[in-house]
N, C-alpha and C. Protein backbone atom coordinates (compact mmCIF):
# COMPACT_ATOMS: atom_id res chain seq x y z
N GLY A 1 108.33 181.69 120.89
CA GLY A 1 108.58 183.40 121.38
C GLY A 1 109.93 183.13 120.46
N THR A 2 110.66 184.24 120.81
CA THR A 2 111.79 184.80 120.50
C THR A 2 113.13 184.38 120.41
N ARG A 3 113.23 183.40 121.04
CA ARG A 3 113.82 182.75 121.64
C ARG A 3 114.95 182.48 120.36
N GLY A 4 116.18 182.43 121.02
CA GLY A 4 117.25 182.73 119.83
C GLY A 4 117.00 183.09 117.90
N ALA A 5 116.25 183.80 118.01
CA ALA A 5 116.04 184.80 116.89
C ALA A 5 116.31 185.89 116.59
N SER A 6 117.31 185.87 114.97
CA SER A 6 117.65 187.02 115.10
C SER A 6 117.54 187.74 114.30
N VAL A 7 117.85 189.13 114.80
CA VAL A 7 117.13 190.09 114.01
C VAL A 7 118.29 191.32 113.69
N SER A 8 118.77 191.61 112.08
CA SER A 8 119.44 192.25 112.19
C SER A 8 118.52 193.80 111.51
N LEU A 9 119.09 194.65 111.14
CA LEU A 9 118.88 196.04 109.82
C LEU A 9 117.56 196.43 110.11
N VAL A 10 116.40 195.71 111.45
CA VAL A 10 115.63 195.94 110.84
C VAL A 10 114.47 196.52 112.20
N ASN A 11 113.80 197.64 112.35
CA ASN A 11 113.74 198.10 113.52
C ASN A 11 112.79 197.38 114.63
N GLU A 12 111.59 196.21 114.13
CA GLU A 12 110.97 195.66 115.50
C GLU A 12 110.77 194.29 115.30
N GLU A 13 110.72 193.76 113.86
CA GLU A 13 111.39 192.46 113.30
C GLU A 13 112.07 192.08 112.27
N GLN A 14 112.45 190.89 112.41
CA GLN A 14 112.54 190.37 111.18
C GLN A 14 112.27 190.55 109.17
N PHE A 15 111.29 190.67 109.50
CA PHE A 15 110.18 191.00 108.17
C PHE A 15 109.33 191.78 108.23
N LEU A 16 108.76 192.35 107.51
CA LEU A 16 107.86 193.69 107.72
C LEU A 16 107.27 193.05 105.70
N ALA A 17 105.95 193.20 105.87
CA ALA A 17 105.48 192.77 105.46
C ALA A 17 103.92 193.97 104.55
N ILE A 18 104.24 194.06 103.01
CA ILE A 18 103.17 195.17 102.44
C ILE A 18 102.53 194.16 101.32
N SER A 19 101.51 194.30 101.40
CA SER A 19 101.03 193.97 99.93
C SER A 19 101.09 194.75 98.90
N GLU A 20 101.03 194.69 97.69
CA GLU A 20 101.01 195.75 96.30
C GLU A 20 99.52 196.12 96.80
N ALA A 21 98.66 195.83 96.85
CA ALA A 21 97.42 196.31 96.62
C ALA A 21 97.60 197.35 97.79
N SER A 22 97.63 196.88 98.66
CA SER A 22 97.72 198.19 99.99
C SER A 22 98.83 199.35 99.29
N MET A 23 99.66 199.14 98.97
CA MET A 23 100.55 200.61 98.48
C MET A 23 99.52 200.78 97.04
N GLU A 24 99.27 199.77 96.76
CA GLU A 24 97.95 200.92 95.29
C GLU A 24 96.76 201.50 96.37
N GLU A 25 96.51 201.35 97.21
CA GLU A 25 95.28 201.24 97.93
C GLU A 25 95.97 202.59 98.35
N LEU A 26 96.91 203.21 98.70
CA LEU A 26 97.59 204.19 99.56
C LEU A 26 98.14 205.33 98.29
N ARG A 27 98.65 204.78 97.40
CA ARG A 27 98.69 205.81 96.44
C ARG A 27 97.07 206.63 96.29
N ARG A 28 96.17 205.43 95.54
CA ARG A 28 94.92 206.03 95.32
C ARG A 28 94.51 207.30 96.51
N ARG A 29 94.47 207.07 97.90
CA ARG A 29 94.21 208.21 98.48
C ARG A 29 95.08 209.10 98.49
N VAL A 30 96.28 208.75 98.67
CA VAL A 30 97.37 210.00 99.00
C VAL A 30 97.34 210.95 97.38
N GLY A 31 96.60 210.16 96.08
CA GLY A 31 97.46 210.83 95.16
C GLY A 31 98.26 211.20 94.25
N ASP A 32 99.09 210.04 94.98
CA ASP A 32 100.52 210.36 93.71
C ASP A 32 101.25 208.52 93.52
N ASP A 33 100.61 208.21 92.28
CA ASP A 33 101.48 206.83 91.29
C ASP A 33 102.17 206.70 91.81
N GLY A 34 103.44 208.08 91.86
CA GLY A 34 105.08 207.34 92.19
C GLY A 34 105.55 207.49 93.83
N LEU A 35 104.39 207.21 94.50
CA LEU A 35 104.70 206.75 95.90
C LEU A 35 105.00 205.46 96.44
N ASP A 36 106.27 205.57 96.72
CA ASP A 36 107.48 203.68 96.42
C ASP A 36 107.04 203.22 98.16
N VAL A 37 107.15 202.07 97.64
CA VAL A 37 107.07 200.76 98.35
C VAL A 37 108.37 201.35 99.89
N ALA A 38 109.28 201.65 99.24
CA ALA A 38 110.60 202.08 99.72
C ALA A 38 110.65 202.92 100.73
N ARG A 39 109.42 203.74 101.02
CA ARG A 39 109.40 204.20 101.95
C ARG A 39 109.02 203.64 103.59
N PHE A 40 108.47 203.24 103.00
CA PHE A 40 108.20 201.96 104.51
C PHE A 40 108.79 201.23 104.66
N ARG A 41 110.00 200.61 103.79
CA ARG A 41 111.01 200.29 104.75
C ARG A 41 110.65 198.17 104.57
N ALA A 42 109.46 197.71 104.04
CA ALA A 42 108.68 196.46 103.74
C ALA A 42 109.92 195.79 102.79
N ASN A 43 110.48 194.23 103.64
CA ASN A 43 111.25 193.65 102.88
C ASN A 43 110.42 192.39 102.61
N LEU A 44 109.16 192.40 102.65
CA LEU A 44 108.14 191.37 102.07
C LEU A 44 107.72 192.29 101.35
N VAL A 45 107.90 192.40 99.77
CA VAL A 45 106.06 192.92 99.08
C VAL A 45 105.24 191.90 98.50
N VAL A 46 104.61 191.77 98.60
CA VAL A 46 103.58 189.88 98.22
C VAL A 46 102.77 190.78 96.98
N GLY A 47 101.99 190.21 96.93
CA GLY A 47 101.32 190.58 95.58
C GLY A 47 99.97 189.06 95.74
N GLY A 48 99.06 189.48 94.39
CA GLY A 48 97.97 188.15 94.35
C GLY A 48 97.21 188.31 95.30
N CYS A 49 96.91 188.86 96.38
CA CYS A 49 96.03 189.25 97.73
C CYS A 49 95.01 190.67 97.86
N ALA A 50 94.30 190.59 98.64
CA ALA A 50 93.52 191.65 98.61
C ALA A 50 94.48 193.18 99.76
N ALA A 51 93.59 194.25 99.72
CA ALA A 51 94.90 195.38 100.02
C ALA A 51 94.45 195.04 101.41
N HIS A 52 95.25 194.72 102.61
CA HIS A 52 95.59 195.23 103.92
C HIS A 52 95.17 193.06 104.19
N ALA A 53 95.51 192.99 103.84
CA ALA A 53 95.42 191.36 103.45
C ALA A 53 95.99 190.80 104.98
N GLU A 54 97.35 191.26 104.68
CA GLU A 54 98.72 191.19 105.42
C GLU A 54 98.12 191.38 106.79
N ASP A 55 97.50 192.34 106.80
CA ASP A 55 97.23 191.88 108.55
C ASP A 55 96.71 191.35 109.17
N ALA A 56 95.94 190.43 108.71
CA ALA A 56 95.27 188.80 109.56
C ALA A 56 96.07 187.74 108.83
N TRP A 57 97.20 187.63 108.42
CA TRP A 57 97.55 186.29 108.51
C TRP A 57 98.19 186.22 109.89
N SER A 58 98.32 184.25 110.14
CA SER A 58 98.77 184.23 110.66
C SER A 58 100.43 183.64 111.07
N LEU A 59 100.40 182.97 109.48
CA LEU A 59 101.36 182.09 109.44
C LEU A 59 101.65 182.31 107.56
N VAL A 60 103.01 182.47 107.15
CA VAL A 60 103.59 182.72 106.10
C VAL A 60 104.13 181.38 105.95
N ARG A 61 103.75 180.55 104.21
CA ARG A 61 105.37 179.68 104.35
C ARG A 61 105.66 179.97 102.47
N ALA A 62 107.10 180.03 102.76
CA ALA A 62 107.69 180.71 101.32
C ALA A 62 109.32 179.31 101.15
N GLY A 63 108.97 179.34 99.52
CA GLY A 63 110.00 178.51 99.82
C GLY A 63 110.16 176.93 99.61
N ASP A 64 111.19 176.48 100.49
CA ASP A 64 111.12 175.20 100.92
C ASP A 64 111.81 174.69 102.33
N GLY A 65 110.07 175.25 102.92
CA GLY A 65 109.42 174.74 104.35
C GLY A 65 110.06 176.15 105.12
N VAL A 66 110.56 176.96 104.07
CA VAL A 66 110.31 178.20 105.45
C VAL A 66 108.96 178.67 106.25
N GLU A 67 109.46 179.08 107.09
CA GLU A 67 107.41 179.47 107.39
C GLU A 67 108.30 180.61 108.42
N LEU A 68 106.84 181.58 108.85
CA LEU A 68 106.80 183.34 109.49
C LEU A 68 105.48 183.73 110.14
N VAL A 69 105.80 183.40 111.50
CA VAL A 69 104.43 183.73 111.86
C VAL A 69 104.41 185.28 112.10
N ALA A 70 103.52 185.51 112.31
CA ALA A 70 102.65 187.01 112.92
C ALA A 70 102.94 187.57 113.70
N ALA A 71 103.86 188.50 114.19
CA ALA A 71 104.82 189.23 114.86
C ALA A 71 103.76 191.00 115.23
N GLY A 72 102.61 191.37 114.65
CA GLY A 72 101.89 191.74 114.96
C GLY A 72 102.03 193.30 113.61
N LEU A 73 101.44 194.64 114.25
CA LEU A 73 101.21 195.52 112.84
C LEU A 73 102.36 196.61 113.18
N CYS A 74 102.77 197.30 112.17
CA CYS A 74 103.81 198.62 111.88
C CYS A 74 103.12 199.80 112.33
N ARG A 75 103.40 199.78 113.19
CA ARG A 75 102.58 201.63 113.79
C ARG A 75 103.65 202.36 113.26
N ARG A 76 102.99 203.27 112.36
CA ARG A 76 104.05 204.40 111.36
C ARG A 76 104.11 205.44 111.88
N CYS A 77 105.05 206.36 112.47
CA CYS A 77 105.62 207.70 112.59
C CYS A 77 105.68 208.61 110.99
N SER A 78 105.65 209.51 111.65
CA SER A 78 106.41 210.60 110.50
C SER A 78 107.72 210.52 109.61
N THR A 79 108.15 209.25 109.80
CA THR A 79 109.33 208.53 108.55
C THR A 79 108.78 208.54 107.37
N VAL A 80 107.86 208.54 107.35
CA VAL A 80 106.74 208.10 105.93
C VAL A 80 106.81 208.78 105.28
N ASN A 81 106.94 209.57 105.78
CA ASN A 81 106.64 210.74 104.89
C ASN A 81 107.62 211.70 103.96
N VAL A 82 108.93 211.15 104.31
CA VAL A 82 110.16 211.34 103.84
C VAL A 82 110.33 210.55 102.69
N ASP A 83 110.20 211.09 101.96
CA ASP A 83 110.70 210.62 100.37
C ASP A 83 112.31 209.74 100.30
N PRO A 84 112.71 208.64 101.20
CA PRO A 84 114.61 208.15 101.05
C PRO A 84 115.30 208.48 99.85
N ALA A 85 114.81 208.15 98.30
CA ALA A 85 115.38 208.45 96.76
C ALA A 85 115.71 210.31 97.08
N THR A 86 114.85 211.04 97.71
CA THR A 86 115.08 212.11 97.76
C THR A 86 115.63 213.21 98.70
N GLY A 87 114.74 212.90 100.23
CA GLY A 87 114.61 213.36 101.07
C GLY A 87 113.65 214.79 101.03
N SER A 88 113.02 214.33 100.34
CA SER A 88 111.81 215.63 100.36
C SER A 88 110.70 215.10 101.07
N ILE A 89 109.79 216.05 101.64
CA ILE A 89 109.22 215.69 103.06
C ILE A 89 107.59 216.22 102.26
N SER A 90 106.73 215.64 102.85
CA SER A 90 105.84 215.52 102.29
C SER A 90 104.56 214.64 103.30
N ALA A 91 103.90 215.18 103.81
CA ALA A 91 102.47 214.96 104.83
C ALA A 91 101.28 214.07 104.65
N GLY A 92 101.67 213.80 103.28
CA GLY A 92 100.56 212.97 102.07
C GLY A 92 100.00 212.17 102.86
N PRO A 93 101.69 211.73 102.93
CA PRO A 93 101.52 209.55 103.60
C PRO A 93 101.05 209.22 104.86
N LEU A 94 101.20 210.16 105.78
CA LEU A 94 101.15 209.61 106.75
C LEU A 94 99.91 210.05 107.56
N ARG A 95 98.54 211.16 106.61
CA ARG A 95 97.63 211.82 106.98
C ARG A 95 96.49 211.05 106.51
N ALA A 96 96.94 210.59 104.81
CA ALA A 96 96.18 209.79 104.31
C ALA A 96 96.14 208.10 105.20
N LEU A 97 97.00 207.68 105.54
CA LEU A 97 96.89 206.10 106.84
C LEU A 97 96.15 206.87 107.68
N ALA A 98 96.45 207.56 108.63
CA ALA A 98 95.58 208.35 109.60
C ALA A 98 94.19 208.24 109.06
N ASP A 99 93.81 209.28 108.17
CA ASP A 99 92.74 208.99 107.57
C ASP A 99 91.07 207.29 107.38
N TYR A 100 92.52 206.39 107.59
CA TYR A 100 92.03 204.93 107.17
C TYR A 100 92.85 204.07 107.84
N ARG A 101 93.38 203.98 108.56
CA ARG A 101 94.16 202.99 108.80
C ARG A 101 94.30 203.07 110.44
N ARG A 102 93.62 204.07 110.96
CA ARG A 102 94.13 203.74 112.53
C ARG A 102 93.51 203.22 113.24
N GLY A 103 94.08 202.41 114.35
CA GLY A 103 93.80 201.72 115.25
C GLY A 103 94.09 201.36 116.67
N ASP A 104 93.58 200.67 117.48
CA ASP A 104 94.17 200.27 118.65
C ASP A 104 95.16 201.71 119.26
N LYS A 105 94.69 202.13 120.23
CA LYS A 105 95.41 203.25 121.36
C LYS A 105 95.77 204.57 120.20
N ALA A 106 95.55 204.61 119.27
CA ALA A 106 95.28 205.54 118.14
C ALA A 106 96.53 205.13 117.20
N ALA A 107 96.78 204.15 117.34
CA ALA A 107 97.67 203.47 116.50
C ALA A 107 97.29 203.33 114.61
N VAL A 108 98.68 204.22 114.09
CA VAL A 108 97.95 204.34 112.29
C VAL A 108 99.18 203.01 112.28
N CYS A 109 98.43 202.29 111.41
CA CYS A 109 99.20 200.83 111.36
C CYS A 109 99.28 200.35 110.04
N PHE A 110 99.87 200.36 109.29
CA PHE A 110 100.80 200.25 107.33
C PHE A 110 101.31 199.23 107.78
N GLY A 111 100.89 197.76 107.22
CA GLY A 111 102.21 196.37 107.56
C GLY A 111 101.81 195.82 108.22
N ALA A 112 102.42 194.47 108.18
CA ALA A 112 102.67 193.75 109.29
C ALA A 112 104.14 192.65 109.13
N PHE A 113 104.43 193.04 110.88
CA PHE A 113 105.47 191.86 110.94
C PHE A 113 105.25 190.68 111.62
N PHE A 114 107.14 190.02 110.53
CA PHE A 114 106.98 188.46 111.11
C PHE A 114 108.36 188.08 110.99
N ARG A 115 108.07 186.50 111.39
CA ARG A 115 109.29 186.45 112.56
C ARG A 115 109.12 185.42 112.13
N PHE A 116 110.41 184.21 111.45
CA PHE A 116 111.27 183.17 111.59
C PHE A 116 109.98 182.36 112.33
N SER A 117 109.74 181.46 111.96
CA SER A 117 108.80 180.59 113.15
C SER A 117 110.35 179.50 113.89
N GLU A 118 109.73 179.06 115.37
CA GLU A 118 110.89 178.54 115.59
C GLU A 118 111.71 177.53 114.64
N GLU A 119 110.69 176.66 114.42
CA GLU A 119 111.08 175.18 113.15
C GLU A 119 111.37 175.96 112.64
N THR A 120 111.35 177.23 111.42
CA THR A 120 112.37 177.02 110.88
C THR A 120 113.95 178.16 111.38
N GLN A 121 113.60 178.79 112.31
CA GLN A 121 115.31 179.48 113.20
C GLN A 121 115.72 178.35 112.97
N THR A 122 114.80 176.70 114.37
CA THR A 122 116.15 175.81 114.61
C THR A 122 116.66 175.49 113.26
N ALA A 123 116.51 175.19 112.26
CA ALA A 123 116.21 174.71 110.94
C ALA A 123 117.57 175.14 110.02
N LEU A 124 117.42 176.67 110.45
CA LEU A 124 118.49 177.99 109.82
C LEU A 124 119.85 177.67 110.90
N SER A 125 119.31 177.72 111.89
CA SER A 125 120.36 177.42 112.87
C SER A 125 121.65 176.39 112.86
N ALA A 126 120.95 175.00 112.27
CA ALA A 126 121.23 174.08 112.42
C ALA A 126 122.33 173.57 110.79
N ARG A 127 122.05 174.74 110.20
CA ARG A 127 122.67 175.13 109.17
C ARG A 127 123.26 176.33 108.36
N GLY A 128 123.58 176.81 110.04
CA GLY A 128 124.64 177.99 109.78
C GLY A 128 124.23 179.38 109.62
N GLY A 129 123.00 179.03 109.17
CA GLY A 129 122.68 180.69 108.61
C GLY A 129 121.40 181.39 109.05
N GLY A 130 121.27 181.16 110.12
CA GLY A 130 120.76 181.56 110.84
C GLY A 130 121.07 182.81 112.46
N GLU A 131 122.06 182.77 112.35
CA GLU A 131 122.11 183.38 113.09
C GLU A 131 123.14 185.20 113.29
């Protein structure tokens, strides 16, 4: 459950993971080598896996005993068409995602949400770092 989990400065969950390979695949499909992951507001960018592998992860272990549990896929809207550095708008990213990432209920998904496991949240709270 999410009891005791704290969320700050994120839309839905504590962490949003996107793999470098997923970004490379999207760049290829958009035809824009400069497409920046910042446009997607991920706070975990992961290397060493296949494109969209993050969609299937149920548990991620990081550091000294930190566990993150999957919390669903990130549904995308037109915000991904706005370059956060310049404010310029291009329909390319969402259009490309819609072409190959349309999922259940017609949602266009890119990236996967994670939250601290209950064990990690409890350990962080005990150390004063989870609130």
